[in-house]
Amino acid sequence: MNLLLSLLLAIATAAAPSTSTDWPGWRGPTQNGISPLKDLPLSWSDKQNIAWRTAIPGKGLSSPVVWGNRVFLTADVIGEAVEGYVAPKHRAWGRPFRNPDSVPANNKHALHVLAFDAATGKQLWDRVVYDGMMYDEVHKTANYALATPATDGKFLYAAFGAEGFYKLDFNGNVIWKGDLGKIDTVGLGYGSSPVLFEDKVIALADQDDGDHSFIAALSQSDGKVVWKTPRATQGTFTTPVLIDVGGKKQLVASATTVIAYDPSNGKELWHAEGAQGVVVHTPVWGQGMFIASVGYPGKQVVGIRLNPGEGEERVAWKYTKGTSYVPSPLLYGDYLYLLTDAGLMSCMNPKTGEVYYEGKRFDSPSKFNSSMVAFDGKILVTSEDGDTYIVKAGTEHEVLGKNSINEVVQTSLALAGDSIYIRSQEALYRVRAQAAPLGRK
């Protein structure tokens, strides 16, 4: 192979550089729900400022991923019933356990990865990466497309737990399937999104009572396990985060014990007491603090110092109000924001736990499953009714606007380019200022 050909091949196979206009995975470019963009729409409806609306197949609770002119989603399409399914036996809280809200996996399921043209909304491809029976049950309000995929600009990585981890190119070709074995989810579904670090894909698998929990890294080149670190952690549904501490990357996973790892080899760096309960939230960080939180069975927020001084404890403060079961908190600028499942919003000092306001309501009662996102001094809070409230960031709860697409929304918004992407139960939307009025289809 001559030198020119080698150089061209290296360029062709290199990951595209990340830009601040992309939304490459769960909670955006830095995993914290924050976008540096400024010129995003502030008003819309199901017809106003909608660039396009595209129907999507099946069900899914994964959020949109946007890179350049591509938008990606995953979906779960239920197939034919099959007799003879036997669910795995679970243990939780030291005893045999079956969640009363789990639904038996008596049907085949097709797990889809989809790509759309960001300019037109046209579906570019639909790849079924798995079609068959599922290993574990799932919560009655959930499905098997829970984890949000991640992209480096050239390849897409999708996580489906026991049904596999997949690498696809931007044309929808499956490059490899990674197998981390049977992953028990207490019959609720696998919800941890993949995290990309250098040449690795990080996967978290906290299971049942914790006897088989682990965190692992798969090679981006071939899907094989690079490292795998056991965790004595009961089942969680969180996603680990990559944070910078003293100029070095740390991989931190929230649970009843918060543990930081070296993402290059999986070795533990430090640990601290976490929020006590079933951890669903993705943690947030900033101002020298790491914030762990939980909403079930009790509400708790724990402020953890990333660089404690001499004589200081890791845990700086605790707070026992204001959290939800599902939506993650938001640390934006100088302030920490919490949201309950009923939409009660609170604002705190992340360093001290001081409360600036708590339990502030929106004008319409609803349920909230989407995690907050923020840009340009504004926080977007979306309800299941499809209403997105625009809240001014700061110590006063000031609602600047309310926008609705009049469809059920249970996923988090993606902010990319000049647009906001919303996944409803029925369709994928691109919200863009000055878009022509949309005729509903």
Protein backbone atom coordinates (compact mmCIF):
# COMPACT_ATOMS: atom_id res chain seq x y z
CA MET A 1 0.00 0.00 0.00
CA ASN A 2 1.57 3.33 -1.05
CA LEU A 3 1.85 6.34 1.27
CA LEU A 4 -0.91 8.37 -0.43
CA LEU A 5 -3.38 5.49 -0.23
CA SER A 6 -2.51 4.96 3.43
CA LEU A 7 -3.13 8.62 4.22
CA LEU A 8 -6.46 8.64 2.38
CA LEU A 9 -7.58 5.51 4.22
CA ALA A 10 -6.63 7.01 7.57
CA ILE A 11 -8.62 10.15 6.80
CA ALA A 12 -11.63 8.16 5.64
CA THR A 13 -11.75 6.01 8.75
CA ALA A 14 -11.08 8.76 11.31
CA ALA A 15 -13.97 9.98 13.44
CA ALA A 16 -15.41 13.30 12.36
CA PRO A 17 -14.50 16.11 14.76
CA SER A 18 -17.12 16.93 17.36
CA THR A 19 -18.76 20.33 17.04
CA SER A 20 -20.81 22.32 19.51
CA THR A 21 -23.76 22.17 17.13
CA ASP A 22 -24.19 18.39 17.49
CA TRP A 23 -26.06 16.33 20.09
CA PRO A 24 -24.03 13.09 19.97
CA GLY A 25 -25.60 11.04 22.74
CA TRP A 26 -27.59 10.96 25.96
CA ARG A 27 -27.76 14.46 27.48
CA GLY A 28 -25.76 16.05 24.71
CA PRO A 29 -22.14 16.94 23.92
CA THR A 30 -20.90 16.84 27.53
CA GLN A 31 -23.54 14.49 29.03
CA ASN A 32 -25.03 17.24 31.17
CA GLY A 33 -28.05 18.40 29.16
CA ILE A 34 -26.43 21.73 28.21
CA SER A 35 -25.90 23.16 24.75
CA PRO A 36 -23.68 26.17 23.92
CA LEU A 37 -26.09 27.16 21.13
CA LYS A 38 -27.95 30.47 21.30
CA ASP A 39 -30.21 30.84 18.28
CA LEU A 40 -32.79 28.16 18.99
CA PRO A 41 -36.56 28.62 18.65
CA LEU A 42 -38.46 29.90 21.68
CA SER A 43 -41.99 29.36 20.41
CA TRP A 44 -43.72 26.58 18.49
CA SER A 45 -46.89 24.50 18.29
CA ASP A 46 -47.86 21.34 16.42
CA LYS A 47 -47.95 23.48 13.25
CA GLN A 48 -45.93 26.62 13.94
CA ASN A 49 -42.13 26.52 13.50
CA ILE A 50 -42.17 22.80 12.69
CA ALA A 51 -39.69 22.06 9.89
CA TRP A 52 -40.97 18.49 9.63
CA ARG A 53 -42.77 15.71 11.44
CA THR A 54 -41.96 12.10 10.57
CA ALA A 55 -43.86 9.08 11.88
CA ILE A 56 -41.68 6.46 13.55
CA PRO A 57 -42.33 2.73 13.96
CA GLY A 58 -42.92 0.86 17.19
CA LYS A 59 -42.14 2.26 20.60
CA GLY A 60 -39.08 3.79 22.18
CA LEU A 61 -37.90 5.88 25.11
CA SER A 62 -34.47 6.66 23.68
CA SER A 63 -33.84 10.30 22.82
CA PRO A 64 -32.78 11.67 19.43
CA VAL A 65 -29.08 11.81 18.55
CA VAL A 66 -28.01 14.41 16.00
CA TRP A 67 -24.76 14.70 14.07
CA GLY A 68 -24.54 17.01 11.09
CA ASN A 69 -27.29 16.05 8.66
CA ARG A 70 -28.23 12.82 10.45
CA VAL A 71 -30.73 12.14 13.24
CA PHE A 72 -30.71 8.71 14.90
CA LEU A 73 -33.23 6.84 17.05
CA THR A 74 -33.88 3.32 18.30
CA ALA A 75 -37.25 1.59 18.38
CA ASP A 76 -38.87 -1.60 19.64
CA VAL A 77 -41.48 -3.30 17.44
CA ILE A 78 -43.52 -6.07 19.07
CA GLY A 79 -43.93 -9.26 17.04
CA GLU A 80 -45.82 -12.51 17.32
CA ALA A 81 -46.62 -14.20 20.61
CA VAL A 82 -44.59 -17.28 21.50
CA GLU A 83 -45.61 -19.78 24.16
CA GLY A 84 -43.26 -21.12 26.80
CA TYR A 85 -41.38 -17.99 27.88
CA VAL A 86 -39.86 -18.32 31.35
CA ALA A 87 -38.64 -15.12 32.99
CA PRO A 88 -35.33 -15.12 34.87
CA LYS A 89 -35.66 -15.25 38.63
CA HIS A 90 -34.62 -12.02 40.31
CA ARG A 91 -33.41 -11.06 43.74
CA ALA A 92 -33.69 -7.60 45.25
CA TRP A 93 -33.29 -6.32 48.78
CA GLY A 94 -31.96 -9.73 49.81
CA ARG A 95 -34.96 -11.78 48.75
CA PRO A 96 -36.61 -13.28 45.63
CA PHE A 97 -38.40 -10.49 43.80
CA ARG A 98 -40.67 -9.91 40.82
CA ASN A 99 -41.80 -6.39 40.11
CA PRO A 100 -45.62 -6.32 40.02
CA ASP A 101 -45.44 -3.88 37.09
CA SER A 102 -43.24 -6.12 34.94
CA VAL A 103 -44.75 -7.43 31.71
CA PRO A 104 -43.86 -11.01 30.63
CA ALA A 105 -41.78 -11.16 27.46
CA ASN A 106 -44.18 -13.50 25.68
CA ASN A 107 -43.64 -11.91 22.27
CA LYS A 108 -40.82 -11.63 19.83
CA HIS A 109 -39.37 -8.14 19.51
CA ALA A 110 -37.54 -6.47 16.65
CA LEU A 111 -35.02 -3.89 17.83
CA HIS A 112 -34.52 -1.15 15.26
CA VAL A 113 -31.89 1.53 14.71
CA LEU A 114 -33.12 4.31 12.41
CA ALA A 115 -31.57 7.27 10.62
CA PHE A 116 -33.31 10.38 9.27
CA ASP A 117 -32.24 13.26 7.08
CA ALA A 118 -32.07 16.31 9.36
CA ALA A 119 -33.02 18.69 6.55
CA THR A 120 -36.15 16.92 5.33
CA GLY A 121 -37.09 14.37 7.98
CA LYS A 122 -36.96 11.61 5.39
CA GLN A 123 -36.15 8.19 6.83
CA LEU A 124 -32.85 7.14 5.31
CA TRP A 125 -32.66 3.61 6.66
CA ASP A 126 -34.12 1.26 9.24
CA ARG A 127 -31.87 -1.52 10.47
CA VAL A 128 -33.20 -4.39 12.58
CA VAL A 129 -30.23 -5.42 14.72
CA TYR A 130 -32.08 -8.04 16.77
CA ASP A 131 -35.27 -10.01 16.14
CA GLY A 132 -36.39 -12.67 18.59
CA MET A 133 -37.33 -13.40 22.16
CA MET A 134 -36.13 -11.13 24.94
CA TYR A 135 -34.11 -12.35 27.90
CA ASP A 136 -35.88 -10.37 30.64
CA GLU A 137 -39.22 -8.76 31.28
CA VAL A 138 -39.85 -5.02 31.03
CA HIS A 139 -41.87 -2.44 32.97
CA LYS A 140 -45.44 -2.01 31.71
CA THR A 141 -44.81 1.66 30.85
CA ALA A 142 -41.48 0.96 29.13
CA ASN A 143 -40.16 -1.01 26.15
CA TYR A 144 -36.87 -2.47 24.97
CA ALA A 145 -35.57 0.68 23.23
CA LEU A 146 -34.63 2.62 26.36
CA ALA A 147 -30.94 3.51 25.99
CA THR A 148 -30.01 6.47 23.79
CA PRO A 149 -27.31 5.62 21.23
CA ALA A 150 -24.03 7.54 20.89
CA THR A 151 -22.01 8.64 17.89
CA ASP A 152 -18.48 9.86 17.20
CA GLY A 153 -19.49 11.34 13.86
CA LYS A 154 -18.65 8.31 11.75
CA PHE A 155 -20.17 5.37 13.59
CA LEU A 156 -23.20 4.88 15.81
CA TYR A 157 -23.23 2.71 18.94
CA ALA A 158 -26.51 1.31 20.26
CA ALA A 159 -27.08 -0.57 23.52
CA PHE A 160 -29.82 -3.14 24.12
CA GLY A 161 -28.44 -4.94 27.18
CA ALA A 162 -28.73 -8.72 27.03
CA GLU A 163 -29.76 -8.44 23.37
CA GLY A 164 -26.44 -6.91 22.45
CA PHE A 165 -24.36 -3.81 21.83
CA TYR A 166 -24.01 -2.72 18.21
CA LYS A 167 -21.75 -0.61 16.04
CA LEU A 168 -23.22 0.70 12.80
CA ASP A 169 -21.87 2.99 10.13
CA PHE A 170 -23.81 6.00 8.87
CA ASN A 171 -25.23 3.91 6.03
CA GLY A 172 -26.86 1.50 8.48
CA ASN A 173 -24.42 -1.38 8.07
CA VAL A 174 -23.81 -3.37 11.26
CA ILE A 175 -20.05 -3.50 11.86
CA TRP A 176 -20.16 -5.69 14.97
CA LYS A 177 -22.30 -6.98 17.80
CA GLY A 178 -20.84 -6.95 21.30
CA ASP A 179 -22.02 -9.48 23.86
CA LEU A 180 -21.80 -8.85 27.61
CA GLY A 181 -23.95 -11.85 28.52
CA LYS A 182 -27.25 -12.01 30.33
CA ILE A 183 -28.01 -8.71 32.05
CA ASP A 184 -30.73 -8.87 34.69
CA THR A 185 -32.81 -5.70 35.01
CA VAL A 186 -35.25 -6.76 37.75
CA GLY A 187 -37.76 -7.07 34.91
CA LEU A 188 -37.74 -3.32 34.20
CA GLY A 189 -35.60 -2.96 31.07
CA TYR A 190 -32.01 -1.99 30.24
CA GLY A 191 -31.70 1.80 30.35
CA SER A 192 -28.00 2.71 30.58
CA SER A 193 -26.80 4.57 27.50
CA PRO A 194 -23.36 3.90 25.97
CA VAL A 195 -20.52 6.33 26.68
CA LEU A 196 -17.65 6.85 24.23
CA PHE A 197 -14.09 7.36 25.44
CA GLU A 198 -11.15 7.36 23.06
CA ASP A 199 -11.28 3.92 21.37
CA LYS A 200 -13.75 2.39 23.83
CA VAL A 201 -17.51 2.06 24.38
CA ILE A 202 -18.40 2.11 28.09
CA ALA A 203 -21.35 0.00 29.26
CA LEU A 204 -22.83 -0.14 32.77
CA ALA A 205 -24.66 -3.27 33.92
CA ASP A 206 -25.84 -2.97 37.53
CA GLN A 207 -28.06 -5.97 38.17
CA ASP A 208 -30.59 -7.14 40.77
CA ASP A 209 -28.90 -7.50 44.19
CA GLY A 210 -25.49 -6.62 42.78
CA ASP A 211 -23.90 -10.08 42.74
CA HIS A 212 -23.30 -9.86 38.98
CA SER A 213 -23.02 -6.09 38.46
CA PHE A 214 -20.15 -4.67 36.42
CA ILE A 215 -18.94 -1.80 34.30
CA ALA A 216 -17.08 -2.64 31.10
CA ALA A 217 -15.36 -1.18 28.07
CA LEU A 218 -15.76 -2.64 24.59
CA SER A 219 -13.26 -1.98 21.84
CA GLN A 220 -14.68 0.34 19.20
CA SER A 221 -12.75 -1.57 16.56
CA ASP A 222 -14.18 -5.06 17.13
CA GLY A 223 -16.63 -5.01 20.07
CA LYS A 224 -14.48 -7.23 22.28
CA VAL A 225 -14.14 -6.57 26.00
CA VAL A 226 -11.12 -4.37 26.80
CA TRP A 227 -11.72 -4.29 30.55
CA LYS A 228 -14.49 -5.34 32.91
CA THR A 229 -14.72 -4.27 36.55
CA PRO A 230 -17.11 -5.93 39.03
CA ARG A 231 -19.39 -3.68 41.09
CA ALA A 232 -21.08 -4.67 44.35
CA THR A 233 -24.01 -2.46 43.38
CA GLN A 234 -27.71 -3.25 43.26
CA GLY A 235 -29.57 -2.67 40.01
CA THR A 236 -29.49 0.87 38.62
CA PHE A 237 -30.79 2.46 35.43
CA THR A 238 -28.35 5.35 35.29
CA THR A 239 -25.67 6.24 32.75
CA PRO A 240 -22.07 6.85 33.88
CA VAL A 241 -20.50 10.20 33.03
CA LEU A 242 -17.06 11.30 31.91
CA ILE A 243 -15.84 14.30 33.87
CA ASP A 244 -12.60 16.26 34.02
CA VAL A 245 -10.90 16.37 37.41
CA GLY A 246 -7.53 18.08 37.60
CA GLY A 247 -7.04 17.80 33.85
CA LYS A 248 -7.70 14.06 33.76
CA LYS A 249 -10.80 12.18 32.70
CA GLN A 250 -12.71 10.19 35.28
CA LEU A 251 -15.61 7.84 34.62
CA VAL A 252 -18.12 8.20 37.45
CA ALA A 253 -21.14 5.97 38.05
CA SER A 254 -23.88 6.92 40.48
CA ALA A 255 -25.41 4.35 42.82
CA THR A 256 -25.85 3.95 46.57
CA THR A 257 -22.07 4.21 46.44
CA VAL A 258 -20.65 6.63 43.87
CA ILE A 259 -17.49 5.22 42.28
CA ALA A 260 -15.00 6.96 40.00
CA TYR A 261 -12.93 4.87 37.58
CA ASP A 262 -10.00 5.41 35.27
CA PRO A 263 -11.78 5.03 31.90
CA SER A 264 -8.65 3.66 30.25
CA ASN A 265 -8.46 0.54 32.45
CA GLY A 266 -11.50 0.41 34.77
CA LYS A 267 -9.51 0.81 37.98
CA GLU A 268 -11.25 2.56 40.87
CA LEU A 269 -9.99 6.07 41.69
CA TRP A 270 -12.25 7.01 44.61
CA HIS A 271 -15.67 6.34 46.05
CA ALA A 272 -18.19 8.13 48.24
CA GLU A 273 -21.61 7.66 49.74
CA GLY A 274 -24.28 8.13 47.08
CA ALA A 275 -28.01 8.72 47.10
CA GLN A 276 -29.85 5.82 48.72
CA GLY A 277 -32.50 4.11 46.61
CA VAL A 278 -33.13 2.93 43.05
CA VAL A 279 -30.86 5.14 40.97
CA VAL A 280 -32.33 6.16 37.61
CA HIS A 281 -30.98 9.71 37.28
CA THR A 282 -27.85 10.51 35.35
CA PRO A 283 -25.64 12.51 37.74
CA VAL A 284 -24.54 16.09 37.09
CA TRP A 285 -21.40 17.97 38.01
CA GLY A 286 -19.85 21.44 38.10
CA GLN A 287 -18.56 24.07 40.52
CA GLY A 288 -16.17 21.42 41.86
CA MET A 289 -19.12 19.23 42.85
CA PHE A 290 -20.62 15.93 41.75
CA ILE A 291 -24.37 15.64 42.38
CA ALA A 292 -25.95 12.23 42.94
CA SER A 293 -29.71 11.93 43.31
CA VAL A 294 -32.57 9.47 43.58
CA GLY A 295 -36.36 9.64 43.72
CA TYR A 296 -37.46 6.19 44.87
CA PRO A 297 -38.31 4.93 47.44
CA GLY A 298 -37.34 8.24 49.01
CA LYS A 299 -36.10 11.54 47.62
CA GLN A 300 -32.45 12.43 48.18
CA VAL A 301 -29.75 14.62 46.68
CA VAL A 302 -26.10 14.30 47.72
CA GLY A 303 -23.46 16.96 47.02
CA ILE A 304 -20.01 15.36 46.68
CA ARG A 305 -16.72 17.28 46.54
CA LEU A 306 -14.57 16.27 43.59
CA ASN A 307 -11.40 17.64 45.19
CA PRO A 308 -11.92 17.70 48.96
CA GLY A 309 -9.42 19.75 50.88
CA GLU A 310 -7.45 18.49 53.83
CA GLY A 311 -9.85 17.50 56.58
CA GLU A 312 -12.93 17.80 54.31
CA GLU A 313 -15.32 14.92 53.76
CA ARG A 314 -16.29 13.90 50.25
CA VAL A 315 -19.98 14.45 51.04
CA ALA A 316 -20.63 18.17 51.53
CA TRP A 317 -24.41 18.19 51.98
CA LYS A 318 -27.67 16.26 51.58
CA TYR A 319 -31.20 17.31 50.68
CA THR A 320 -34.34 15.17 50.91
CA LYS A 321 -36.90 16.88 48.68
CA GLY A 322 -37.53 17.83 45.11
CA THR A 323 -36.44 14.81 43.08
CA SER A 324 -38.25 12.58 40.62
CA TYR A 325 -38.18 8.88 39.85
CA VAL A 326 -37.11 9.36 36.22
CA PRO A 327 -36.03 12.89 35.11
CA SER A 328 -32.41 13.74 35.89
CA PRO A 329 -31.41 17.03 37.55
CA LEU A 330 -29.63 19.85 35.74
CA LEU A 331 -26.55 21.80 36.88
CA TYR A 332 -26.47 24.89 34.69
CA GLY A 333 -24.10 27.76 35.42
CA ASP A 334 -24.06 28.46 39.14
CA TYR A 335 -27.26 26.63 39.99
CA LEU A 336 -28.64 23.14 40.46
CA TYR A 337 -32.20 22.48 39.29
CA LEU A 338 -34.43 19.62 40.42
CA LEU A 339 -37.74 18.40 39.03
CA THR A 340 -40.32 16.05 40.51
CA ASP A 341 -42.42 13.61 38.49
CA ALA A 342 -45.33 16.03 38.92
CA GLY A 343 -43.29 18.94 37.58
CA LEU A 344 -42.44 20.76 40.80
CA MET A 345 -39.19 22.61 40.17
CA SER A 346 -36.51 23.62 42.68
CA CYS A 347 -33.26 25.59 42.49
CA MET A 348 -30.25 25.14 44.78
CA ASN A 349 -26.64 26.08 45.33
CA PRO A 350 -24.62 23.02 44.20
CA LYS A 351 -21.73 23.82 46.54
CA THR A 352 -23.69 24.27 49.76
CA GLY A 353 -27.15 22.79 49.20
CA GLU A 354 -28.77 26.16 49.95
CA VAL A 355 -32.29 26.32 48.51
CA TYR A 356 -33.19 29.37 46.41
CA TYR A 357 -36.69 28.17 45.54
CA GLU A 358 -38.50 24.86 45.80
CA GLY A 359 -41.69 23.20 44.63
CA LYS A 360 -42.60 25.79 41.99
CA ARG A 361 -45.46 24.66 39.76
CA PHE A 362 -46.29 25.09 36.10
CA ASP A 363 -49.74 26.19 34.99
CA SER A 364 -51.00 22.75 33.91
CA PRO A 365 -50.75 19.63 36.10
CA SER A 366 -49.01 16.78 34.31
CA LYS A 367 -46.45 14.03 34.62
CA PHE A 368 -42.83 14.60 33.63
CA ASN A 369 -40.47 11.95 32.24
CA SER A 370 -38.13 14.11 30.16
CA SER A 371 -34.91 15.39 31.66
CA MET A 372 -34.31 19.14 31.54
CA VAL A 373 -32.04 20.66 28.89
CA ALA A 374 -30.62 24.17 28.73
CA PHE A 375 -29.19 26.77 26.35
CA ASP A 376 -28.51 30.52 26.40
CA GLY A 377 -29.75 31.12 29.94
CA LYS A 378 -32.94 29.15 29.41
CA ILE A 379 -34.13 25.76 30.69
CA LEU A 380 -36.53 23.58 28.69
CA VAL A 381 -38.86 21.44 30.80
CA THR A 382 -41.14 19.06 28.87
CA SER A 383 -44.20 17.26 30.20
CA GLU A 384 -45.85 14.04 29.04
CA ASP A 385 -48.62 16.18 27.54
CA GLY A 386 -46.09 17.53 25.05
CA ASP A 387 -45.88 20.94 26.70
CA THR A 388 -42.38 22.45 26.84
CA TYR A 389 -41.96 25.26 29.36
CA ILE A 390 -39.14 27.74 28.89
CA VAL A 391 -37.80 28.77 32.29
CA LYS A 392 -35.30 31.57 32.85
CA ALA A 393 -32.17 30.27 34.55
CA GLY A 394 -31.49 31.82 37.93
CA THR A 395 -32.72 32.01 41.49
CA GLU A 396 -36.25 33.16 40.56
CA HIS A 397 -38.72 30.76 38.93
CA GLU A 398 -39.74 32.74 35.86
CA VAL A 399 -41.59 30.96 33.05
CA LEU A 400 -40.88 32.72 29.76
CA GLY A 401 -43.14 30.64 27.56
CA LYS A 402 -45.03 27.43 26.91
CA ASN A 403 -45.13 25.44 23.68
CA SER A 404 -47.04 22.26 22.83
CA ILE A 405 -47.04 19.69 20.06
CA ASN A 406 -50.20 18.07 21.46
CA GLU A 407 -48.68 14.60 21.55
CA VAL A 408 -47.34 12.48 24.40
CA VAL A 409 -43.62 13.08 25.02
CA GLN A 410 -41.66 10.85 27.38
CA THR A 411 -38.15 11.38 26.04
CA SER A 412 -35.62 14.19 26.42
CA LEU A 413 -35.11 16.88 23.82
CA ALA A 414 -32.03 17.19 21.60
CA LEU A 415 -30.58 20.62 20.73
CA ALA A 416 -28.54 20.80 17.53
CA GLY A 417 -27.75 23.38 14.87
CA ASP A 418 -30.62 25.84 14.80
CA SER A 419 -33.22 23.31 15.92
CA ILE A 420 -34.84 21.39 18.73
CA TYR A 421 -35.62 17.71 18.10
CA ILE A 422 -38.54 16.11 19.93
CA ARG A 423 -39.54 12.47 19.96
CA SER A 424 -43.20 11.89 20.77
CA GLN A 425 -44.89 8.52 21.07
CA GLU A 426 -45.87 8.79 17.42
CA ALA A 427 -43.31 10.86 15.57
CA LEU A 428 -40.01 12.69 15.42
CA TYR A 429 -40.17 16.50 15.17
CA ARG A 430 -37.70 19.12 14.09
CA VAL A 431 -38.58 22.50 15.63
CA ARG A 432 -36.98 25.38 13.74
CA ALA A 433 -37.68 29.10 13.82
CA GLN A 434 -39.44 30.51 10.75
CA ALA A 435 -40.30 27.08 9.42
CA ALA A 436 -43.29 27.06 7.08
CA PRO A 437 -46.63 26.05 8.69
CA LEU A 438 -46.92 22.27 8.86
CA GLY A 439 -50.00 20.44 7.61
CA ARG A 440 -50.58 17.46 9.92
CA LYS A 441 -50.37 14.03 8.33
